[in-house]
PDB file of N, CA and C in Angstrom:
ATOM      1  N   UNK A   1      -0.177 -14.177  -2.078  1.00  0.00           N
ATOM      2  CA  UNK A   1       1.166 -14.420  -1.604  1.00  0.00           C
ATOM      3  C   UNK A   1       2.086 -13.266  -2.018  1.00  0.00           C
ATOM      4  N   UNK A   2       1.998 -12.847  -3.253  1.00  0.00           N
ATOM      5  CA  UNK A   2       2.880 -11.789  -3.735  1.00  0.00           C
ATOM      6  C   UNK A   2       2.615 -10.457  -3.044  1.00  0.00           C
ATOM      7  N   UNK A   3       1.406 -10.249  -2.594  1.00  0.00           N
ATOM      8  CA  UNK A   3       1.072  -8.980  -1.936  1.00  0.00           C
ATOM      9  C   UNK A   3       1.822  -8.802  -0.626  1.00  0.00           C
ATOM     10  N   UNK A   4       2.186  -9.885   0.017  1.00  0.00           N
ATOM     11  CA  UNK A   4       2.823  -9.815   1.334  1.00  0.00           C
ATOM     12  C   UNK A   4       4.286 -10.250   1.311  1.00  0.00           C
ATOM     13  N   UNK A   5       4.829 -10.480   0.116  1.00  0.00           N
ATOM     14  CA  UNK A   5       6.200 -10.970  -0.008  1.00  0.00           C
ATOM     15  C   UNK A   5       7.198  -9.814   0.064  1.00  0.00           C
ATOM     16  N   UNK A   6       8.375 -10.135   0.558  1.00  0.00           N
ATOM     17  CA  UNK A   6       9.463  -9.157   0.583  1.00  0.00           C
ATOM     18  C   UNK A   6      10.073  -9.063  -0.816  1.00  0.00           C
ATOM     19  N   UNK A   7      10.899  -8.059  -1.010  1.00  0.00           N
ATOM     20  CA  UNK A   7      11.580  -7.893  -2.293  1.00  0.00           C
ATOM     21  C   UNK A   7      12.428  -9.121  -2.615  1.00  0.00           C
ATOM     22  N   UNK A   8      13.128  -9.636  -1.617  1.00  0.00           N
ATOM     23  CA  UNK A   8      13.962 -10.826  -1.817  1.00  0.00           C
ATOM     24  C   UNK A   8      13.114 -12.029  -2.232  1.00  0.00           C
ATOM     25  N   UNK A   9      11.979 -12.203  -1.577  1.00  0.00           N
ATOM     26  CA  UNK A   9      11.098 -13.322  -1.902  1.00  0.00           C
ATOM     27  C   UNK A   9      10.540 -13.197  -3.317  1.00  0.00           C
ATOM     28  N   UNK A  10      10.197 -11.996  -3.719  1.00  0.00           N
ATOM     29  CA  UNK A  10       9.687 -11.780  -5.074  1.00  0.00           C
ATOM     30  C   UNK A  10      10.755 -12.073  -6.126  1.00  0.00           C
ATOM     31  N   UNK A  11      11.978 -11.683  -5.835  1.00  0.00           N
ATOM     32  CA  UNK A  11      13.083 -11.943  -6.752  1.00  0.00           C
ATOM     33  C   UNK A  11      13.322 -13.446  -6.894  1.00  0.00           C
ATOM     34  N   UNK A  12      13.342 -14.152  -5.779  1.00  0.00           N
ATOM     35  CA  UNK A  12      13.539 -15.607  -5.820  1.00  0.00           C
ATOM     36  C   UNK A  12      12.380 -16.273  -6.553  1.00  0.00           C
ATOM     37  N   UNK A  13      11.167 -15.830  -6.308  1.00  0.00           N
ATOM     38  CA  UNK A  13      10.003 -16.409  -6.975  1.00  0.00           C
ATOM     39  C   UNK A  13      10.086 -16.229  -8.489  1.00  0.00           C
ATOM     40  N   UNK A  14      10.472 -15.056  -8.934  1.00  0.00           N
ATOM     41  CA  UNK A  14      10.619 -14.815 -10.371  1.00  0.00           C
ATOM     42  C   UNK A  14      11.694 -15.724 -10.959  1.00  0.00           C
ATOM     43  N   UNK A  15      12.807 -15.864 -10.248  1.00  0.00           N
ATOM     44  CA  UNK A  15      13.871 -16.762 -10.715  1.00  0.00           C
ATOM     45  C   UNK A  15      13.381 -18.201 -10.791  1.00  0.00           C
ATOM     46  N   UNK A  16      12.637 -18.634  -9.783  1.00  0.00           N
ATOM     47  CA  UNK A  16      12.151 -20.011  -9.753  1.00  0.00           C
ATOM     48  C   UNK A  16      11.173 -20.287 -10.892  1.00  0.00           C
ATOM     49  N   UNK A  17      10.357 -19.304 -11.217  1.00  0.00           N
ATOM     50  CA  UNK A  17       9.411 -19.487 -12.323  1.00  0.00           C
ATOM     51  C   UNK A  17      10.158 -19.739 -13.629  1.00  0.00           C
ATOM     52  N   UNK A  18      11.221 -18.975 -13.859  1.00  0.00           N
ATOM     53  CA  UNK A  18      12.008 -19.166 -15.082  1.00  0.00           C
ATOM     54  C   UNK A  18      12.742 -20.503 -15.056  1.00  0.00           C
ATOM     55  N   UNK A  19      13.327 -20.847 -13.924  1.00  0.00           N
ATOM     56  CA  UNK A  19      14.048 -22.117 -13.820  1.00  0.00           C
ATOM     57  C   UNK A  19      13.095 -23.300 -13.967  1.00  0.00           C
ATOM     58  N   UNK A  20      11.901 -23.174 -13.421  1.00  0.00           N
ATOM     59  CA  UNK A  20      10.915 -24.241 -13.530  1.00  0.00           C
ATOM     60  C   UNK A  20      10.582 -24.509 -14.995  1.00  0.00           C
ATOM     61  N   UNK A  21      10.422 -23.452 -15.770  1.00  0.00           N
ATOM     62  CA  UNK A  21      10.131 -23.629 -17.192  1.00  0.00           C
ATOM     63  C   UNK A  21      11.269 -24.370 -17.892  1.00  0.00           C
ATOM     64  N   UNK A  22      12.501 -24.016 -17.555  1.00  0.00           N
ATOM     65  CA  UNK A  22      13.649 -24.705 -18.151  1.00  0.00           C
ATOM     66  C   UNK A  22      13.697 -26.165 -17.736  1.00  0.00           C
ATOM     67  N   UNK A  23      13.429 -26.432 -16.466  1.00  0.00           N
ATOM     68  CA  UNK A  23      13.489 -27.804 -15.969  1.00  0.00           C
ATOM     69  C   UNK A  23      12.361 -28.640 -16.574  1.00  0.00           C
ATOM     70  N   UNK A  24      11.202 -28.044 -16.755  1.00  0.00           N
ATOM     71  CA  UNK A  24      10.101 -28.759 -17.423  1.00  0.00           C
ATOM     72  C   UNK A  24      10.522 -29.133 -18.840  1.00  0.00           C
ATOM     73  N   UNK A  25      11.190 -28.202 -19.511  1.00  0.00           N
ATOM     74  CA  UNK A  25      11.657 -28.451 -20.874  1.00  0.00           C
ATOM     75  C   UNK A  25      12.637 -29.632 -20.918  1.00  0.00           C
ATOM     76  N   UNK A  26      13.396 -29.830 -19.843  1.00  0.00           N
ATOM     77  CA  UNK A  26      14.335 -30.955 -19.764  1.00  0.00           C
ATOM     78  C   UNK A  26      13.617 -32.261 -19.447  1.00  0.00           C
ATOM     79  N   UNK A  27      12.312 -32.181 -19.203  1.00  0.00           N
ATOM     80  CA  UNK A  27      11.462 -33.346 -18.948  1.00  0.00           C
ATOM     81  C   UNK A  27      11.848 -34.121 -17.691  1.00  0.00           C
ATOM     82  N   UNK A  28      12.281 -33.404 -16.655  1.00  0.00           N
ATOM     83  CA  UNK A  28      12.543 -34.052 -15.369  1.00  0.00           C
ATOM     84  C   UNK A  28      11.208 -34.339 -14.674  1.00  0.00           C
ATOM     85  N   UNK A  29      11.138 -35.436 -13.935  1.00  0.00           N
ATOM     86  CA  UNK A  29       9.917 -35.733 -13.183  1.00  0.00           C
ATOM     87  C   UNK A  29       9.615 -34.625 -12.163  1.00  0.00           C
ATOM     88  N   UNK A  30       8.348 -34.459 -11.853  1.00  0.00           N
ATOM     89  CA  UNK A  30       7.939 -33.393 -10.947  1.00  0.00           C
ATOM     90  C   UNK A  30       8.628 -33.484  -9.592  1.00  0.00           C
ATOM     91  N   UNK A  31       8.790 -34.690  -9.063  1.00  0.00           N
ATOM     92  CA  UNK A  31       9.423 -34.824  -7.749  1.00  0.00           C
ATOM     93  C   UNK A  31      10.869 -34.323  -7.784  1.00  0.00           C
ATOM     94  N   UNK A  32      11.598 -34.636  -8.845  1.00  0.00           N
ATOM     95  CA  UNK A  32      12.979 -34.146  -8.983  1.00  0.00           C
ATOM     96  C   UNK A  32      12.997 -32.633  -9.173  1.00  0.00           C
ATOM     97  N   UNK A  33      12.062 -32.152  -9.971  1.00  0.00           N
ATOM     98  CA  UNK A  33      11.961 -30.720 -10.221  1.00  0.00           C
ATOM     99  C   UNK A  33      11.686 -29.961  -8.926  1.00  0.00           C
ATOM    100  N   UNK A  34      10.782 -30.483  -8.116  1.00  0.00           N
ATOM    101  CA  UNK A  34      10.432 -29.836  -6.854  1.00  0.00           C
ATOM    102  C   UNK A  34      11.631 -29.793  -5.916  1.00  0.00           C
ATOM    103  N   UNK A  35      12.343 -30.901  -5.796  1.00  0.00           N
ATOM    104  CA  UNK A  35      13.532 -30.944  -4.932  1.00  0.00           C
ATOM    105  C   UNK A  35      14.582 -29.939  -5.392  1.00  0.00           C
ATOM    106  N   UNK A  36      14.814 -29.896  -6.680  1.00  0.00           N
ATOM    107  CA  UNK A  36      15.824 -28.988  -7.226  1.00  0.00           C
ATOM    108  C   UNK A  36      15.431 -27.525  -6.993  1.00  0.00           C
ATOM    109  N   UNK A  37      14.173 -27.190  -7.262  1.00  0.00           N
ATOM    110  CA  UNK A  37      13.714 -25.809  -7.074  1.00  0.00           C
ATOM    111  C   UNK A  37      13.731 -25.410  -5.599  1.00  0.00           C
ATOM    112  N   UNK A  38      13.404 -26.338  -4.725  1.00  0.00           N
ATOM    113  CA  UNK A  38      13.431 -26.063  -3.287  1.00  0.00           C
ATOM    114  C   UNK A  38      14.847 -25.723  -2.829  1.00  0.00           C
ATOM    115  N   UNK A  39      15.816 -26.514  -3.286  1.00  0.00           N
ATOM    116  CA  UNK A  39      17.212 -26.269  -2.922  1.00  0.00           C
ATOM    117  C   UNK A  39      17.691 -24.928  -3.475  1.00  0.00           C
ATOM    118  N   UNK A  40      17.305 -24.612  -4.684  1.00  0.00           N
ATOM    119  CA  UNK A  40      17.677 -23.337  -5.292  1.00  0.00           C
ATOM    120  C   UNK A  40      17.057 -22.178  -4.521  1.00  0.00           C
ATOM    121  N   UNK A  41      15.807 -22.311  -4.144  1.00  0.00           N
ATOM    122  CA  UNK A  41      15.122 -21.248  -3.406  1.00  0.00           C
ATOM    123  C   UNK A  41      15.802 -20.973  -2.072  1.00  0.00           C
ATOM    124  N   UNK A  42      16.154 -22.012  -1.365  1.00  0.00           N
ATOM    125  CA  UNK A  42      16.833 -21.844  -0.072  1.00  0.00           C
ATOM    126  C   UNK A  42      18.171 -21.154  -0.267  1.00  0.00           C
ATOM    127  N   UNK A  43      18.944 -21.614  -1.235  1.00  0.00           N
ATOM    128  CA  UNK A  43      20.269 -21.029  -1.479  1.00  0.00           C
ATOM    129  C   UNK A  43      20.160 -19.550  -1.862  1.00  0.00           C
ATOM    130  N   UNK A  44      19.207 -19.225  -2.724  1.00  0.00           N
ATOM    131  CA  UNK A  44      19.046 -17.832  -3.139  1.00  0.00           C
ATOM    132  C   UNK A  44      18.588 -16.950  -1.990  1.00  0.00           C
ATOM    133  N   UNK A  45      17.661 -17.442  -1.176  1.00  0.00           N
ATOM    134  CA  UNK A  45      17.192 -16.638  -0.034  1.00  0.00           C
ATOM    135  C   UNK A  45      18.324 -16.408   0.957  1.00  0.00           C
ATOM    136  N   UNK A  46      19.121 -17.431   1.209  1.00  0.00           N
ATOM    137  CA  UNK A  46      20.251 -17.273   2.124  1.00  0.00           C
ATOM    138  C   UNK A  46      21.231 -16.241   1.590  1.00  0.00           C
ATOM    139  N   UNK A  47      21.520 -16.307   0.311  1.00  0.00           N
ATOM    140  CA  UNK A  47      22.454 -15.368  -0.300  1.00  0.00           C
ATOM    141  C   UNK A  47      21.912 -13.945  -0.245  1.00  0.00           C
ATOM    142  N   UNK A  48      20.667 -13.775  -0.623  1.00  0.00           N
ATOM    143  CA  UNK A  48      20.085 -12.432  -0.653  1.00  0.00           C
ATOM    144  C   UNK A  48      19.946 -11.828   0.738  1.00  0.00           C
ATOM    145  N   UNK A  49      19.523 -12.623   1.695  1.00  0.00           N
ATOM    146  CA  UNK A  49      19.348 -12.071   3.039  1.00  0.00           C
ATOM    147  C   UNK A  49      20.693 -11.788   3.697  1.00  0.00           C
ATOM    148  N   UNK A  50      21.712 -12.593   3.389  1.00  0.00           N
ATOM    149  CA  UNK A  50      23.049 -12.336   3.932  1.00  0.00           C
ATOM    150  C   UNK A  50      23.608 -11.039   3.359  1.00  0.00           C
ATOM    151  N   UNK A  51      23.422 -10.828   2.074  1.00  0.00           N
ATOM    152  CA  UNK A  51      23.906  -9.593   1.446  1.00  0.00           C
ATOM    153  C   UNK A  51      23.169  -8.380   1.996  1.00  0.00           C
ATOM    154  N   UNK A  52      21.867  -8.514   2.174  1.00  0.00           N
ATOM    155  CA  UNK A  52      21.083  -7.409   2.712  1.00  0.00           C
ATOM    156  C   UNK A  52      21.548  -7.063   4.115  1.00  0.00           C
ATOM    157  N   UNK A  53      21.803  -8.077   4.929  1.00  0.00           N
ATOM    158  CA  UNK A  53      22.263  -7.841   6.303  1.00  0.00           C
ATOM    159  C   UNK A  53      23.632  -7.147   6.308  1.00  0.00           C
ATOM    160  N   UNK A  54      24.510  -7.581   5.420  1.00  0.00           N
ATOM    161  CA  UNK A  54      25.835  -6.948   5.343  1.00  0.00           C
ATOM    162  C   UNK A  54      25.724  -5.491   4.902  1.00  0.00           C
ATOM    163  N   UNK A  55      24.833  -5.238   3.963  1.00  0.00           N
ATOM    164  CA  UNK A  55      24.647  -3.862   3.497  1.00  0.00           C
ATOM    165  C   UNK A  55      24.090  -2.985   4.612  1.00  0.00           C
ATOM    166  N   UNK A  56      23.148  -3.530   5.365  1.00  0.00           N
ATOM    167  CA  UNK A  56      22.578  -2.766   6.470  1.00  0.00           C
ATOM    168  C   UNK A  56      23.607  -2.501   7.548  1.00  0.00           C
ATOM    169  N   UNK A  57      24.442  -3.508   7.828  1.00  0.00           N
ATOM    170  CA  UNK A  57      25.501  -3.314   8.828  1.00  0.00           C
ATOM    171  C   UNK A  57      26.456  -2.201   8.404  1.00  0.00           C
ATOM    172  N   UNK A  58      26.783  -2.162   7.132  1.00  0.00           N
ATOM    173  CA  UNK A  58      27.673  -1.136   6.621  1.00  0.00           C
ATOM    174  C   UNK A  58      27.092   0.255   6.722  1.00  0.00           C
ATOM    175  N   UNK A  59      25.786   0.369   6.597  1.00  0.00           N
ATOM    176  CA  UNK A  59      25.134   1.673   6.678  1.00  0.00           C
ATOM    177  C   UNK A  59      25.027   2.176   8.098  1.00  0.00           C
ATOM    178  N   UNK A  60      24.988   1.263   9.053  1.00  0.00           N
ATOM    179  CA  UNK A  60      24.823   1.659  10.447  1.00  0.00           C
ATOM    180  C   UNK A  60      26.130   2.118  11.069  1.00  0.00           C
ATOM    181  N   UNK A  61      27.241   1.759  10.463  1.00  0.00           N
ATOM    182  CA  UNK A  61      28.538   2.125  11.056  1.00  0.00           C
ATOM    183  C   UNK A  61      28.941   3.529  10.701  1.00  0.00           C
TER     184      UNK A  61
END
């Protein structure tokens, strides 16, 4: 998976790994942990891809 991932995906994955460890430490059930990490992953990908698109637009002008 990592071999074919974009830079943004790799960054989100690294963040999720760290957050998962923290959430495990809080002893949340796996189902809650999965939902929380999924929401975080979506939000981070949206933020990163939006910023990348804005940066690219700025370079093309």
